[in-house]
């Protein structure tokens, strides 16, 4: 199943990029323990390894593609983040493709509740 979402964050693209790709920032908004990178081919993990994968593509601060695994998935899904300047902030277009059907509803809600919700709160509060 595929998930498509758009988020607006009142922070510049460079700050949103750091929140997506730098370990300390990822851990501050709540996806830790984490290991993050913006280097193509580099492994990453979030939530202590509950989500893991490889950076497939990175063009700072515009586009990040990650190959995602969760649980015992036999094949990866792909999370693509496209960042666009938007009136002093950033519009983030998310495309998460190949999510197992039986986990799609949880992932759809999780993007709001556990990923972009806390990230947006951290970035907009200046934390």
C-alpha atoms as a PDB file:
ATOM      1  CA  UNK A   1       0.000   0.000   0.000  1.00  0.00           C
ATOM      2  CA  UNK A   2       1.121   3.576  -0.620  1.00  0.00           C
ATOM      3  CA  UNK A   3       0.775   6.536   1.733  1.00  0.00           C
ATOM      4  CA  UNK A   4       0.937  10.146   0.540  1.00  0.00           C
ATOM      5  CA  UNK A   5       0.865  13.111   2.924  1.00  0.00           C
ATOM      6  CA  UNK A   6       1.771  16.791   2.979  1.00  0.00           C
ATOM      7  CA  UNK A   7       2.992  18.672   6.050  1.00  0.00           C
ATOM      8  CA  UNK A   8       3.698  22.373   6.537  1.00  0.00           C
ATOM      9  CA  UNK A   9       6.345  23.266   9.089  1.00  0.00           C
ATOM     10  CA  UNK A  10       7.182  26.834  10.138  1.00  0.00           C
ATOM     11  CA  UNK A  11      10.937  26.301   9.829  1.00  0.00           C
ATOM     12  CA  UNK A  12      13.321  26.657   6.889  1.00  0.00           C
ATOM     13  CA  UNK A  13      14.130  23.598   4.744  1.00  0.00           C
ATOM     14  CA  UNK A  14      17.664  23.341   6.184  1.00  0.00           C
ATOM     15  CA  UNK A  15      16.243  22.889   9.697  1.00  0.00           C
ATOM     16  CA  UNK A  16      13.697  20.319   8.547  1.00  0.00           C
ATOM     17  CA  UNK A  17      16.489  18.503   6.698  1.00  0.00           C
ATOM     18  CA  UNK A  18      18.531  18.290   9.904  1.00  0.00           C
ATOM     19  CA  UNK A  19      15.470  16.943  11.749  1.00  0.00           C
ATOM     20  CA  UNK A  20      15.247  14.183   9.130  1.00  0.00           C
ATOM     21  CA  UNK A  21      18.924  13.300   8.836  1.00  0.00           C
ATOM     22  CA  UNK A  22      20.937  14.155  11.967  1.00  0.00           C
ATOM     23  CA  UNK A  23      20.936  11.687  14.847  1.00  0.00           C
ATOM     24  CA  UNK A  24      20.821  14.267  17.661  1.00  0.00           C
ATOM     25  CA  UNK A  25      17.909  16.128  16.074  1.00  0.00           C
ATOM     26  CA  UNK A  26      15.973  12.915  15.348  1.00  0.00           C
ATOM     27  CA  UNK A  27      16.396  11.857  18.961  1.00  0.00           C
ATOM     28  CA  UNK A  28      15.228  15.276  20.235  1.00  0.00           C
ATOM     29  CA  UNK A  29      11.874  14.983  18.460  1.00  0.00           C
ATOM     30  CA  UNK A  30      11.396  11.465  19.742  1.00  0.00           C
ATOM     31  CA  UNK A  31      12.536   8.744  17.309  1.00  0.00           C
ATOM     32  CA  UNK A  32      15.480   7.643  19.423  1.00  0.00           C
ATOM     33  CA  UNK A  33      17.573   5.821  20.018  1.00  0.00           C
ATOM     34  CA  UNK A  34      18.501   6.558  16.438  1.00  0.00           C
ATOM     35  CA  UNK A  35      21.361   6.335  13.977  1.00  0.00           C
ATOM     36  CA  UNK A  36      20.847   8.688  11.045  1.00  0.00           C
ATOM     37  CA  UNK A  37      22.785   9.839   8.013  1.00  0.00           C
ATOM     38  CA  UNK A  38      22.268  11.723   4.774  1.00  0.00           C
ATOM     39  CA  UNK A  39      24.895   9.712   2.905  1.00  0.00           C
ATOM     40  CA  UNK A  40      23.512   7.471   0.150  1.00  0.00           C
ATOM     41  CA  UNK A  41      24.203   3.847   0.992  1.00  0.00           C
ATOM     42  CA  UNK A  42      24.426   4.521   4.732  1.00  0.00           C
ATOM     43  CA  UNK A  43      22.350   2.496   7.168  1.00  0.00           C
ATOM     44  CA  UNK A  44      19.918   4.205   9.531  1.00  0.00           C
ATOM     45  CA  UNK A  45      17.684   3.151  12.397  1.00  0.00           C
ATOM     46  CA  UNK A  46      15.031   4.774  14.558  1.00  0.00           C
ATOM     47  CA  UNK A  47      13.153   3.838  17.721  1.00  0.00           C
ATOM     48  CA  UNK A  48      15.957   1.571  18.834  1.00  0.00           C
ATOM     49  CA  UNK A  49      15.929  -0.403  15.584  1.00  0.00           C
ATOM     50  CA  UNK A  50      12.158  -0.855  15.195  1.00  0.00           C
ATOM     51  CA  UNK A  51      12.565   0.961  11.862  1.00  0.00           C
ATOM     52  CA  UNK A  52      15.779   0.529   9.909  1.00  0.00           C
ATOM     53  CA  UNK A  53      17.099   0.669   6.396  1.00  0.00           C
ATOM     54  CA  UNK A  54      19.432   2.439   4.011  1.00  0.00           C
ATOM     55  CA  UNK A  55      19.608   5.930   2.590  1.00  0.00           C
ATOM     56  CA  UNK A  56      18.863   5.436  -1.108  1.00  0.00           C
ATOM     57  CA  UNK A  57      19.138   9.072  -2.236  1.00  0.00           C
ATOM     58  CA  UNK A  58      19.910  12.410  -0.607  1.00  0.00           C
ATOM     59  CA  UNK A  59      19.967  15.885  -2.105  1.00  0.00           C
ATOM     60  CA  UNK A  60      20.142  18.385   0.762  1.00  0.00           C
ATOM     61  CA  UNK A  61      17.874  20.089   1.634  1.00  0.00           C
ATOM     62  CA  UNK A  62      15.410  19.058  -1.063  1.00  0.00           C
ATOM     63  CA  UNK A  63      14.938  15.302  -1.315  1.00  0.00           C
ATOM     64  CA  UNK A  64      15.606  12.267   0.853  1.00  0.00           C
ATOM     65  CA  UNK A  65      14.737   8.690  -0.088  1.00  0.00           C
ATOM     66  CA  UNK A  66      15.086   5.941   2.502  1.00  0.00           C
ATOM     67  CA  UNK A  67      14.626   2.196   2.092  1.00  0.00           C
ATOM     68  CA  UNK A  68      12.578   1.241   5.179  1.00  0.00           C
ATOM     69  CA  UNK A  69      12.122  -2.043   7.002  1.00  0.00           C
ATOM     70  CA  UNK A  70       9.948  -2.683  10.037  1.00  0.00           C
ATOM     71  CA  UNK A  71       9.276  -5.853  11.977  1.00  0.00           C
ATOM     72  CA  UNK A  72       9.943  -8.909   9.832  1.00  0.00           C
ATOM     73  CA  UNK A  73       9.180  -7.349   6.452  1.00  0.00           C
ATOM     74  CA  UNK A  74      10.549  -9.535   3.658  1.00  0.00           C
ATOM     75  CA  UNK A  75      11.141  -6.514   1.420  1.00  0.00           C
ATOM     76  CA  UNK A  76      11.602  -2.803   2.049  1.00  0.00           C
ATOM     77  CA  UNK A  77       9.196   0.047   1.635  1.00  0.00           C
ATOM     78  CA  UNK A  78      10.453   3.416   0.398  1.00  0.00           C
ATOM     79  CA  UNK A  79       9.936   6.730   2.199  1.00  0.00           C
ATOM     80  CA  UNK A  80      10.506   9.774  -0.006  1.00  0.00           C
ATOM     81  CA  UNK A  81      10.609  13.217   1.590  1.00  0.00           C
ATOM     82  CA  UNK A  82      10.470  16.235  -0.737  1.00  0.00           C
ATOM     83  CA  UNK A  83      11.115  19.601   0.939  1.00  0.00           C
ATOM     84  CA  UNK A  84       9.960  22.834  -0.712  1.00  0.00           C
ATOM     85  CA  UNK A  85      10.269  26.389   0.657  1.00  0.00           C
ATOM     86  CA  UNK A  86       6.786  27.609   1.556  1.00  0.00           C
ATOM     87  CA  UNK A  87       6.261  31.193   2.743  1.00  0.00           C
ATOM     88  CA  UNK A  88       9.181  31.253   5.167  1.00  0.00           C
ATOM     89  CA  UNK A  89       8.598  27.647   6.198  1.00  0.00           C
ATOM     90  CA  UNK A  90       8.735  24.275   4.507  1.00  0.00           C
ATOM     91  CA  UNK A  91       6.221  22.056   2.769  1.00  0.00           C
ATOM     92  CA  UNK A  92       7.136  18.399   3.142  1.00  0.00           C
ATOM     93  CA  UNK A  93       5.583  15.980   0.690  1.00  0.00           C
ATOM     94  CA  UNK A  94       5.845  12.407   1.913  1.00  0.00           C
ATOM     95  CA  UNK A  95       5.428   9.367  -0.278  1.00  0.00           C
ATOM     96  CA  UNK A  96       5.737   6.043   1.544  1.00  0.00           C
ATOM     97  CA  UNK A  97       5.390   3.234  -0.969  1.00  0.00           C
ATOM     98  CA  UNK A  98       5.310  -0.520  -0.531  1.00  0.00           C
ATOM     99  CA  UNK A  99       3.983  -0.554   3.039  1.00  0.00           C
ATOM    100  CA  UNK A 100       2.560  -3.993   3.889  1.00  0.00           C
ATOM    101  CA  UNK A 101      -1.234  -3.806   3.645  1.00  0.00           C
ATOM    102  CA  UNK A 102      -1.785  -5.109   7.166  1.00  0.00           C
ATOM    103  CA  UNK A 103       0.384  -2.331   8.635  1.00  0.00           C
ATOM    104  CA  UNK A 104      -0.662   0.575   6.396  1.00  0.00           C
ATOM    105  CA  UNK A 105      -3.245   2.070   8.784  1.00  0.00           C
ATOM    106  CA  UNK A 106      -0.729   2.089  11.656  1.00  0.00           C
ATOM    107  CA  UNK A 107       1.955   3.688   9.499  1.00  0.00           C
ATOM    108  CA  UNK A 108      -0.486   6.242   8.098  1.00  0.00           C
ATOM    109  CA  UNK A 109      -1.398   7.375  11.633  1.00  0.00           C
ATOM    110  CA  UNK A 110       2.191   7.019  12.821  1.00  0.00           C
ATOM    111  CA  UNK A 111       3.469   9.613  10.356  1.00  0.00           C
ATOM    112  CA  UNK A 112       1.168  12.160  12.022  1.00  0.00           C
ATOM    113  CA  UNK A 113       1.363  11.041  15.645  1.00  0.00           C
ATOM    114  CA  UNK A 114       4.960   9.872  16.062  1.00  0.00           C
ATOM    115  CA  UNK A 115       6.969  11.407  13.226  1.00  0.00           C
ATOM    116  CA  UNK A 116       5.876  14.727  11.787  1.00  0.00           C
ATOM    117  CA  UNK A 117       3.699  15.793  14.731  1.00  0.00           C
ATOM    118  CA  UNK A 118       6.584  15.737  17.230  1.00  0.00           C
ATOM    119  CA  UNK A 119       9.089  17.016  14.638  1.00  0.00           C
ATOM    120  CA  UNK A 120       6.856  19.980  13.798  1.00  0.00           C
ATOM    121  CA  UNK A 121       6.339  20.740  17.493  1.00  0.00           C
ATOM    122  CA  UNK A 122      10.103  20.683  18.156  1.00  0.00           C
ATOM    123  CA  UNK A 123      11.004  22.832  15.147  1.00  0.00           C
ATOM    124  CA  UNK A 124       8.240  25.383  15.656  1.00  0.00           C
ATOM    125  CA  UNK A 125       8.965  25.761  19.370  1.00  0.00           C
ATOM    126  CA  UNK A 126      12.637  26.462  18.647  1.00  0.00           C
ATOM    127  CA  UNK A 127      13.785  23.553  20.812  1.00  0.00           C
END
